[in-house]
Amino acid sequence: TPAAPGQRWQQLAARAAHLALYALMIAVP
């Protein structure tokens, strides 16, 4: 993945959101 811009907290929030997205994209179907 390309390097994410922003502060550390933004990068951690983005990572958490992406993990949630992937978990839900698997769990729902």
Full PDB file with SEQRES, HELIX, SHEET, SSBOND, CRYST1, ORIGX, SCALE, CONECT and MASTER records, all heavy atoms in Angstrom:
SEQRES   1 A   29  THR PRO ALA ALA PRO GLY GLN ARG TRP GLN GLN LEU ALA          
SEQRES   2 A   29  ALA ARG ALA ALA HIS LEU ALA LEU TYR ALA LEU MET ILE          
SEQRES   3 A   29  ALA VAL PRO                                                  
HELIX    1 AA1 ARG A    8  ALA A   27  1                                  20    
CRYST1    1.000    1.000    1.000  90.00  90.00  90.00 P 1           1          
ORIGX1      1.000000  0.000000  0.000000        0.00000                         
ORIGX2      0.000000  1.000000  0.000000        0.00000                         
ORIGX3      0.000000  0.000000  1.000000        0.00000                         
SCALE1      1.000000  0.000000  0.000000        0.00000                         
SCALE2      0.000000  1.000000  0.000000        0.00000                         
SCALE3      0.000000  0.000000  1.000000        0.00000                         
ATOM      1  N   THR A   1       0.839  -1.195   0.000  1.00  0.00           N  
ATOM      2  CA  THR A   1       0.000   0.000   0.000  1.00  0.00           C  
ATOM      3  C   THR A   1       0.874   1.245   0.000  1.00  0.00           C  
ATOM      4  O   THR A   1       1.884   1.285   0.704  1.00  0.00           O  
ATOM      5  CB  THR A   1      -0.893  -0.012   1.261  1.00  0.00           C  
ATOM      6  OG1 THR A   1      -1.669  -1.208   1.246  1.00  0.00           O  
ATOM      7  CG2 THR A   1      -1.807   1.184   1.311  1.00  0.00           C  
ATOM      8  N   PRO A   2       0.489   2.275  -0.765  1.00  0.00           N  
ATOM      9  CA  PRO A   2       1.248   3.529  -0.726  1.00  0.00           C  
ATOM     10  C   PRO A   2       1.277   4.111   0.695  1.00  0.00           C  
ATOM     11  O   PRO A   2       0.348   3.899   1.469  1.00  0.00           O  
ATOM     12  CB  PRO A   2       0.468   4.452  -1.660  1.00  0.00           C  
ATOM     13  CG  PRO A   2      -0.333   3.548  -2.522  1.00  0.00           C  
ATOM     14  CD  PRO A   2      -0.614   2.320  -1.702  1.00  0.00           C  
ATOM     15  N   ALA A   3       2.335   4.813   0.991  1.00  0.00           N  
ATOM     16  CA  ALA A   3       2.471   5.430   2.312  1.00  0.00           C  
ATOM     17  C   ALA A   3       1.314   6.402   2.544  1.00  0.00           C  
ATOM     18  O   ALA A   3       0.965   7.189   1.665  1.00  0.00           O  
ATOM     19  CB  ALA A   3       3.800   6.155   2.409  1.00  0.00           C  
ATOM     20  N   ALA A   4       0.712   6.318   3.717  1.00  0.00           N  
ATOM     21  CA  ALA A   4      -0.423   7.177   4.052  1.00  0.00           C  
ATOM     22  C   ALA A   4       0.064   8.509   4.611  1.00  0.00           C  
ATOM     23  O   ALA A   4       0.963   8.535   5.453  1.00  0.00           O  
ATOM     24  CB  ALA A   4      -1.308   6.488   5.077  1.00  0.00           C  
ATOM     25  N   PRO A   5      -0.544   9.603   4.140  1.00  0.00           N  
ATOM     26  CA  PRO A   5      -0.188  10.900   4.716  1.00  0.00           C  
ATOM     27  C   PRO A   5      -0.866  11.076   6.072  1.00  0.00           C  
ATOM     28  O   PRO A   5      -1.715  10.271   6.459  1.00  0.00           O  
ATOM     29  CB  PRO A   5      -0.736  11.892   3.688  1.00  0.00           C  
ATOM     30  CG  PRO A   5      -1.894  11.186   3.082  1.00  0.00           C  
ATOM     31  CD  PRO A   5      -1.525   9.725   3.075  1.00  0.00           C  
ATOM     32  N   GLY A   6      -0.520  12.121   6.771  1.00  0.00           N  
ATOM     33  CA  GLY A   6      -1.205  12.460   8.015  1.00  0.00           C  
ATOM     34  C   GLY A   6      -0.430  12.084   9.253  1.00  0.00           C  
ATOM     35  O   GLY A   6       0.626  11.453   9.209  1.00  0.00           O  
ATOM     36  N   GLN A   7      -0.997  12.501  10.360  1.00  0.00           N  
ATOM     37  CA  GLN A   7      -0.397  12.244  11.664  1.00  0.00           C  
ATOM     38  C   GLN A   7      -0.587  10.777  12.044  1.00  0.00           C  
ATOM     39  O   GLN A   7      -1.404  10.065  11.480  1.00  0.00           O  
ATOM     40  CB  GLN A   7      -1.043  13.145  12.708  1.00  0.00           C  
ATOM     41  CG  GLN A   7      -0.847  14.622  12.432  1.00  0.00           C  
ATOM     42  CD  GLN A   7      -1.589  15.485  13.430  1.00  0.00           C  
ATOM     43  OE1 GLN A   7      -2.089  15.009  14.444  1.00  0.00           O  
ATOM     44  NE2 GLN A   7      -1.682  16.773  13.136  1.00  0.00           N  
ATOM     45  N   ARG A   8       0.159  10.357  13.037  1.00  0.00           N  
ATOM     46  CA  ARG A   8       0.137   8.956  13.471  1.00  0.00           C  
ATOM     47  C   ARG A   8      -1.273   8.503  13.845  1.00  0.00           C  
ATOM     48  O   ARG A   8      -1.698   7.415  13.487  1.00  0.00           O  
ATOM     49  CB  ARG A   8       1.112   8.770  14.641  1.00  0.00           C  
ATOM     50  CG  ARG A   8       1.166   7.370  15.189  1.00  0.00           C  
ATOM     51  CD  ARG A   8       2.158   6.534  14.425  1.00  0.00           C  
ATOM     52  NE  ARG A   8       2.282   5.240  15.069  1.00  0.00           N  
ATOM     53  CZ  ARG A   8       2.158   4.093  14.429  1.00  0.00           C  
ATOM     54  NH1 ARG A   8       1.979   4.081  13.136  1.00  0.00           N  
ATOM     55  NH2 ARG A   8       2.267   2.960  15.070  1.00  0.00           N  
ATOM     56  N   TRP A   9      -2.021   9.343  14.569  1.00  0.00           N  
ATOM     57  CA  TRP A   9      -3.367   8.956  14.990  1.00  0.00           C  
ATOM     58  C   TRP A   9      -4.279   8.766  13.776  1.00  0.00           C  
ATOM     59  O   TRP A   9      -5.149   7.892  13.789  1.00  0.00           O  
ATOM     60  CB  TRP A   9      -3.969   9.956  15.979  1.00  0.00           C  
ATOM     61  CG  TRP A   9      -4.351  11.285  15.383  1.00  0.00           C  
ATOM     62  CD1 TRP A   9      -3.596  12.412  15.314  1.00  0.00           C  
ATOM     63  CD2 TRP A   9      -5.604  11.607  14.767  1.00  0.00           C  
ATOM     64  NE1 TRP A   9      -4.274  13.417  14.690  1.00  0.00           N  
ATOM     65  CE2 TRP A   9      -5.527  12.955  14.347  1.00  0.00           C  
ATOM     66  CE3 TRP A   9      -6.771  10.897  14.524  1.00  0.00           C  
ATOM     67  CZ2 TRP A   9      -6.580  13.607  13.704  1.00  0.00           C  
ATOM     68  CZ3 TRP A   9      -7.826  11.551  13.890  1.00  0.00           C  
ATOM     69  CH2 TRP A   9      -7.715  12.886  13.487  1.00  0.00           C  
ATOM     70  N   GLN A  10      -4.076   9.575  12.724  1.00  0.00           N  
ATOM     71  CA  GLN A  10      -4.877   9.436  11.517  1.00  0.00           C  
ATOM     72  C   GLN A  10      -4.556   8.119  10.817  1.00  0.00           C  
ATOM     73  O   GLN A  10      -5.463   7.437  10.316  1.00  0.00           O  
ATOM     74  CB  GLN A  10      -4.627  10.604  10.565  1.00  0.00           C  
ATOM     75  CG  GLN A  10      -5.161  11.925  11.065  1.00  0.00           C  
ATOM     76  CD  GLN A  10      -4.713  13.080  10.193  1.00  0.00           C  
ATOM     77  OE1 GLN A  10      -3.576  13.099   9.721  1.00  0.00           O  
ATOM     78  NE2 GLN A  10      -5.597  14.047   9.989  1.00  0.00           N  
ATOM     79  N   GLN A  11      -3.299   7.771  10.774  1.00  0.00           N  
ATOM     80  CA  GLN A  11      -2.898   6.517  10.150  1.00  0.00           C  
ATOM     81  C   GLN A  11      -3.444   5.319  10.921  1.00  0.00           C  
ATOM     82  O   GLN A  11      -3.902   4.340  10.326  1.00  0.00           O  
ATOM     83  CB  GLN A  11      -1.376   6.448  10.033  1.00  0.00           C  
ATOM     84  CG  GLN A  11      -0.816   7.478   9.077  1.00  0.00           C  
ATOM     85  CD  GLN A  11       0.701   7.539   9.105  1.00  0.00           C  
ATOM     86  OE1 GLN A  11       1.351   6.789   9.822  1.00  0.00           O  
ATOM     87  NE2 GLN A  11       1.258   8.446   8.319  1.00  0.00           N  
ATOM     88  N   LEU A  12      -3.417   5.396  12.259  1.00  0.00           N  
ATOM     89  CA  LEU A  12      -3.970   4.312  13.077  1.00  0.00           C  
ATOM     90  C   LEU A  12      -5.487   4.212  12.910  1.00  0.00           C  
ATOM     91  O   LEU A  12      -6.034   3.101  12.820  1.00  0.00           O  
ATOM     92  CB  LEU A  12      -3.607   4.517  14.549  1.00  0.00           C  
ATOM     93  CG  LEU A  12      -2.130   4.328  14.895  1.00  0.00           C  
ATOM     94  CD1 LEU A  12      -1.863   4.734  16.346  1.00  0.00           C  
ATOM     95  CD2 LEU A  12      -1.706   2.890  14.653  1.00  0.00           C  
ATOM     96  N   ALA A  13      -6.169   5.351  12.843  1.00  0.00           N  
ATOM     97  CA  ALA A  13      -7.622   5.352  12.640  1.00  0.00           C  
ATOM     98  C   ALA A  13      -7.964   4.763  11.272  1.00  0.00           C  
ATOM     99  O   ALA A  13      -8.913   3.978  11.145  1.00  0.00           O  
ATOM    100  CB  ALA A  13      -8.175   6.765  12.771  1.00  0.00           C  
ATOM    101  N   ALA A  14      -7.181   5.135  10.260  1.00  0.00           N  
ATOM    102  CA  ALA A  14      -7.417   4.595   8.915  1.00  0.00           C  
ATOM    103  C   ALA A  14      -7.196   3.083   8.899  1.00  0.00           C  
ATOM    104  O   ALA A  14      -7.981   2.336   8.296  1.00  0.00           O  
ATOM    105  CB  ALA A  14      -6.503   5.287   7.904  1.00  0.00           C  
ATOM    106  N   ARG A  15      -6.153   2.628   9.559  1.00  0.00           N  
ATOM    107  CA  ARG A  15      -5.875   1.188   9.612  1.00  0.00           C  
ATOM    108  C   ARG A  15      -7.010   0.443  10.319  1.00  0.00           C  
ATOM    109  O   ARG A  15      -7.456  -0.616   9.858  1.00  0.00           O  
ATOM    110  CB  ARG A  15      -4.540   0.934  10.314  1.00  0.00           C  
ATOM    111  CG  ARG A  15      -4.130  -0.529  10.258  1.00  0.00           C  
ATOM    112  CD  ARG A  15      -2.713  -0.779  10.733  1.00  0.00           C  
ATOM    113  NE  ARG A  15      -1.785  -0.146   9.791  1.00  0.00           N  
ATOM    114  CZ  ARG A  15      -0.737   0.590  10.170  1.00  0.00           C  
ATOM    115  NH1 ARG A  15      -0.477   0.762  11.443  1.00  0.00           N  
ATOM    116  NH2 ARG A  15       0.060   1.120   9.279  1.00  0.00           N  
ATOM    117  N   ALA A  16      -7.499   1.004  11.433  1.00  0.00           N  
ATOM    118  CA  ALA A  16      -8.603   0.379  12.164  1.00  0.00           C  
ATOM    119  C   ALA A  16      -9.871   0.340  11.307  1.00  0.00           C  
ATOM    120  O   ALA A  16     -10.584  -0.671  11.279  1.00  0.00           O  
ATOM    121  CB  ALA A  16      -8.869   1.128  13.465  1.00  0.00           C  
ATOM    122  N   ALA A  17     -10.139   1.427  10.588  1.00  0.00           N  
ATOM    123  CA  ALA A  17     -11.323   1.473   9.720  1.00  0.00           C  
ATOM    124  C   ALA A  17     -11.207   0.449   8.595  1.00  0.00           C  
ATOM    125  O   ALA A  17     -12.190  -0.234   8.264  1.00  0.00           O  
ATOM    126  CB  ALA A  17     -11.505   2.878   9.151  1.00  0.00           C  
ATOM    127  N   HIS A  18     -10.012   0.317   8.024  1.00  0.00           N  
ATOM    128  CA  HIS A  18      -9.829  -0.660   6.954  1.00  0.00           C  
ATOM    129  C   HIS A  18      -9.979  -2.094   7.474  1.00  0.00           C  
ATOM    130  O   HIS A  18     -10.570  -2.944   6.802  1.00  0.00           O  
ATOM    131  CB  HIS A  18      -8.475  -0.467   6.259  1.00  0.00           C  
ATOM    132  CG  HIS A  18      -8.460   0.705   5.341  1.00  0.00           C  
ATOM    133  ND1 HIS A  18      -7.780   1.865   5.634  1.00  0.00           N  
ATOM    134  CD2 HIS A  18      -9.065   0.918   4.157  1.00  0.00           C  
ATOM    135  CE1 HIS A  18      -7.962   2.729   4.657  1.00  0.00           C  
ATOM    136  NE2 HIS A  18      -8.747   2.185   3.745  1.00  0.00           N  
ATOM    137  N   LEU A  19      -9.464  -2.355   8.668  1.00  0.00           N  
ATOM    138  CA  LEU A  19      -9.647  -3.688   9.263  1.00  0.00           C  
ATOM    139  C   LEU A  19     -11.127  -3.974   9.487  1.00  0.00           C  
ATOM    140  O   LEU A  19     -11.604  -5.089   9.206  1.00  0.00           O  
ATOM    141  CB  LEU A  19      -8.871  -3.800  10.577  1.00  0.00           C  
ATOM    142  CG  LEU A  19      -7.365  -3.960  10.455  1.00  0.00           C  
ATOM    143  CD1 LEU A  19      -6.699  -3.879  11.830  1.00  0.00           C  
ATOM    144  CD2 LEU A  19      -7.013  -5.282   9.792  1.00  0.00           C  
ATOM    145  N   ALA A  20     -11.853  -2.966   9.987  1.00  0.00           N  
ATOM    146  CA  ALA A  20     -13.299  -3.133  10.195  1.00  0.00           C  
ATOM    147  C   ALA A  20     -14.011  -3.378   8.873  1.00  0.00           C  
ATOM    148  O   ALA A  20     -14.898  -4.235   8.780  1.00  0.00           O  
ATOM    149  CB  ALA A  20     -13.869  -1.904  10.908  1.00  0.00           C  
ATOM    150  N   LEU A  21     -13.627  -2.632   7.838  1.00  0.00           N  
ATOM    151  CA  LEU A  21     -14.233  -2.826   6.518  1.00  0.00           C  
ATOM    152  C   LEU A  21     -14.016  -4.249   6.017  1.00  0.00           C  
ATOM    153  O   LEU A  21     -14.962  -4.917   5.572  1.00  0.00           O  
ATOM    154  CB  LEU A  21     -13.670  -1.829   5.504  1.00  0.00           C  
ATOM    155  CG  LEU A  21     -14.252  -0.427   5.536  1.00  0.00           C  
ATOM    156  CD1 LEU A  21     -13.407   0.520   4.678  1.00  0.00           C  
ATOM    157  CD2 LEU A  21     -15.691  -0.436   5.073  1.00  0.00           C  
ATOM    158  N   TYR A  22     -12.784  -4.724   6.084  1.00  0.00           N  
ATOM    159  CA  TYR A  22     -12.499  -6.080   5.603  1.00  0.00           C  
ATOM    160  C   TYR A  22     -13.234  -7.132   6.429  1.00  0.00           C  
ATOM    161  O   TYR A  22     -13.793  -8.086   5.874  1.00  0.00           O  
ATOM    162  CB  TYR A  22     -10.991  -6.352   5.585  1.00  0.00           C  
ATOM    163  CG  TYR A  22     -10.316  -5.791   4.366  1.00  0.00           C  
ATOM    164  CD1 TYR A  22      -9.552  -4.640   4.425  1.00  0.00           C  
ATOM    165  CD2 TYR A  22     -10.455  -6.407   3.126  1.00  0.00           C  
ATOM    166  CE1 TYR A  22      -8.938  -4.113   3.300  1.00  0.00           C  
ATOM    167  CE2 TYR A  22      -9.849  -5.894   1.990  1.00  0.00           C  
ATOM    168  CZ  TYR A  22      -9.095  -4.742   2.084  1.00  0.00           C  
ATOM    169  OH  TYR A  22      -8.499  -4.232   0.958  1.00  0.00           O  
ATOM    170  N   ALA A  23     -13.243  -6.970   7.748  1.00  0.00           N  
ATOM    171  CA  ALA A  23     -13.946  -7.937   8.603  1.00  0.00           C  
ATOM    172  C   ALA A  23     -15.434  -7.974   8.262  1.00  0.00           C  
ATOM    173  O   ALA A  23     -16.025  -9.064   8.143  1.00  0.00           O  
ATOM    174  CB  ALA A  23     -13.742  -7.578  10.073  1.00  0.00           C  
ATOM    175  N   LEU A  24     -16.028  -6.818   8.076  1.00  0.00           N  
ATOM    176  CA  LEU A  24     -17.458  -6.764   7.756  1.00  0.00           C  
ATOM    177  C   LEU A  24     -17.747  -7.234   6.331  1.00  0.00           C  
ATOM    178  O   LEU A  24     -18.778  -7.872   6.085  1.00  0.00           O  
ATOM    179  CB  LEU A  24     -17.991  -5.350   7.979  1.00  0.00           C  
ATOM    180  CG  LEU A  24     -18.094  -4.944   9.454  1.00  0.00           C  
ATOM    181  CD1 LEU A  24     -18.265  -3.442   9.590  1.00  0.00           C  
ATOM    182  CD2 LEU A  24     -19.221  -5.700  10.143  1.00  0.00           C  
ATOM    183  N   MET A  25     -16.839  -6.941   5.391  1.00  0.00           N  
ATOM    184  CA  MET A  25     -17.042  -7.409   4.014  1.00  0.00           C  
ATOM    185  C   MET A  25     -16.987  -8.934   3.933  1.00  0.00           C  
ATOM    186  O   MET A  25     -17.518  -9.534   2.997  1.00  0.00           O  
ATOM    187  CB  MET A  25     -16.014  -6.783   3.054  1.00  0.00           C  
ATOM    188  CG  MET A  25     -16.266  -5.323   2.777  1.00  0.00           C  
ATOM    189  SD  MET A  25     -15.204  -4.606   1.485  1.00  0.00           S  
ATOM    190  CE  MET A  25     -13.562  -4.739   2.183  1.00  0.00           C  
ATOM    191  N   ILE A  26     -16.347  -9.557   4.899  1.00  0.00           N  
ATOM    192  CA  ILE A  26     -16.330 -11.024   4.970  1.00  0.00           C  
ATOM    193  C   ILE A  26     -17.523 -11.526   5.779  1.00  0.00           C  
ATOM    194  O   ILE A  26     -18.233 -12.445   5.373  1.00  0.00           O  
ATOM    195  CB  ILE A  26     -14.995 -11.528   5.567  1.00  0.00           C  
ATOM    196  CG1 ILE A  26     -13.847 -11.228   4.591  1.00  0.00           C  
ATOM    197  CG2 ILE A  26     -15.069 -13.016   5.905  1.00  0.00           C  
ATOM    198  CD1 ILE A  26     -12.459 -11.428   5.183  1.00  0.00           C  
ATOM    199  N   ALA A  27     -17.769 -10.908   6.935  1.00  0.00           N  
ATOM    200  CA  ALA A  27     -18.800 -11.393   7.848  1.00  0.00           C  
ATOM    201  C   ALA A  27     -20.209 -11.285   7.273  1.00  0.00           C  
ATOM    202  O   ALA A  27     -21.016 -12.214   7.443  1.00  0.00           O  
ATOM    203  CB  ALA A  27     -18.727 -10.621   9.173  1.00  0.00           C  
ATOM    204  N   VAL A  28     -20.526 -10.184   6.606  1.00  0.00           N  
ATOM    205  CA  VAL A  28     -21.906 -10.003   6.107  1.00  0.00           C  
ATOM    206  C   VAL A  28     -22.301 -11.114   5.138  1.00  0.00           C  
ATOM    207  O   VAL A  28     -23.343 -11.762   5.334  1.00  0.00           O  
ATOM    208  CB  VAL A  28     -22.102  -8.591   5.495  1.00  0.00           C  
ATOM    209  CG1 VAL A  28     -23.457  -8.483   4.797  1.00  0.00           C  
ATOM    210  CG2 VAL A  28     -21.979  -7.514   6.571  1.00  0.00           C  
ATOM    211  N   PRO A  29     -21.520 -11.405   4.086  1.00  0.00           N  
ATOM    212  CA  PRO A  29     -21.958 -12.493   3.192  1.00  0.00           C  
ATOM    213  C   PRO A  29     -21.875 -13.882   3.825  1.00  0.00           C  
ATOM    214  O   PRO A  29     -22.714 -14.736   3.514  1.00  0.00           O  
ATOM    215  CB  PRO A  29     -21.028 -12.368   1.977  1.00  0.00           C  
ATOM    216  CG  PRO A  29     -19.887 -11.527   2.399  1.00  0.00           C  
ATOM    217  CD  PRO A  29     -20.357 -10.684   3.535  1.00  0.00           C  
TER     218      PRO A  29                                                      
MASTER        0    0    0    1    0    0    0    6  217    1    0    3          
END                                                                             
